[in-house]
Amino acid sequence: MAVANNTKPIYICSICGVYTEEEIHCGRRTRLFLDSSRRESLSKLMSFLLRHDPESIGLKMDSSGWVYIDDLVDGIRNRWRNSHLYRWVEKEHVIAIAMLDPKGRFEICGDRIRARYGHSKNLDIEIDYPRDIETKILYHGTAREFIDRISIEGLKPMNRHYVHLTIDMVDACIVGERHSGNPVVLKIDADCVRSHGIDIYIASKSIRLAKHVPRKCIIETLECTHIKEL
């Protein structure tokens, strides 16, 4: 299995109106709604604003991380430091990106949106996640140069609320590659984490969260080069 991180365009079905990544839907060719470049750029900006710095565009965020979609769009178009690059953004673009995000980074409820996970500690956010009591193996992508420290301290959330884990080793490798040219993937015994009294939470279909991963629960270090060959 090859590791890929290509952002797909978003299309809209001319028959049912659904947003999709497929060029054919309802038996008809779909219409391009958002190209790959704009999708990736806006998605990254949405993640930054909803996870780390809502105040930079004057967003009012509640204690559960919710903001109004209209306020987010207005802030991006008019108050973001590079707002001239985002004059094209409409509410529908934000909704489409949130709905089709492959990792479930965003959640929409009515006229509001929030990041599901990844918030900085400086944001006083508390989200009620369901607990994961079944998953046995989890993965975490990181840089090889951090391994010595991790072998002593385990995995800590650093400047975020939680350590981010995944059920997919390929996804973990992709995350590691964002931080290092020489990434590795840590294989984690989830039951070991629970045995230390640490809950594991479900943030999305593939993402799990924990306050800490003890070093004894890291059972193997995997090479990303080997994962790419699977």
Foldseek 3Di string as FASTA:
>chain_A
DAQDDQFAFWWAAPPPGDIDSDQADPNHGTHGDGHRVRLVVVVVVQCCCQAENVPQQDFDADQASKTFLVSVLCSCCPRHPVNVVVVVDDSVSVVSSCVPPPFNQKDDDVRIIHGLFNHFPVRNHDHDFAFDPDDFKKKAKAAPVCVVVCLPAPDAPVGGQWRKIWPDQSVRNVVNVVHDPFMKMWMFGVVVCVVVVWTWGDSDPTIITTRGGRSVRGDDIGGVVVVSVD
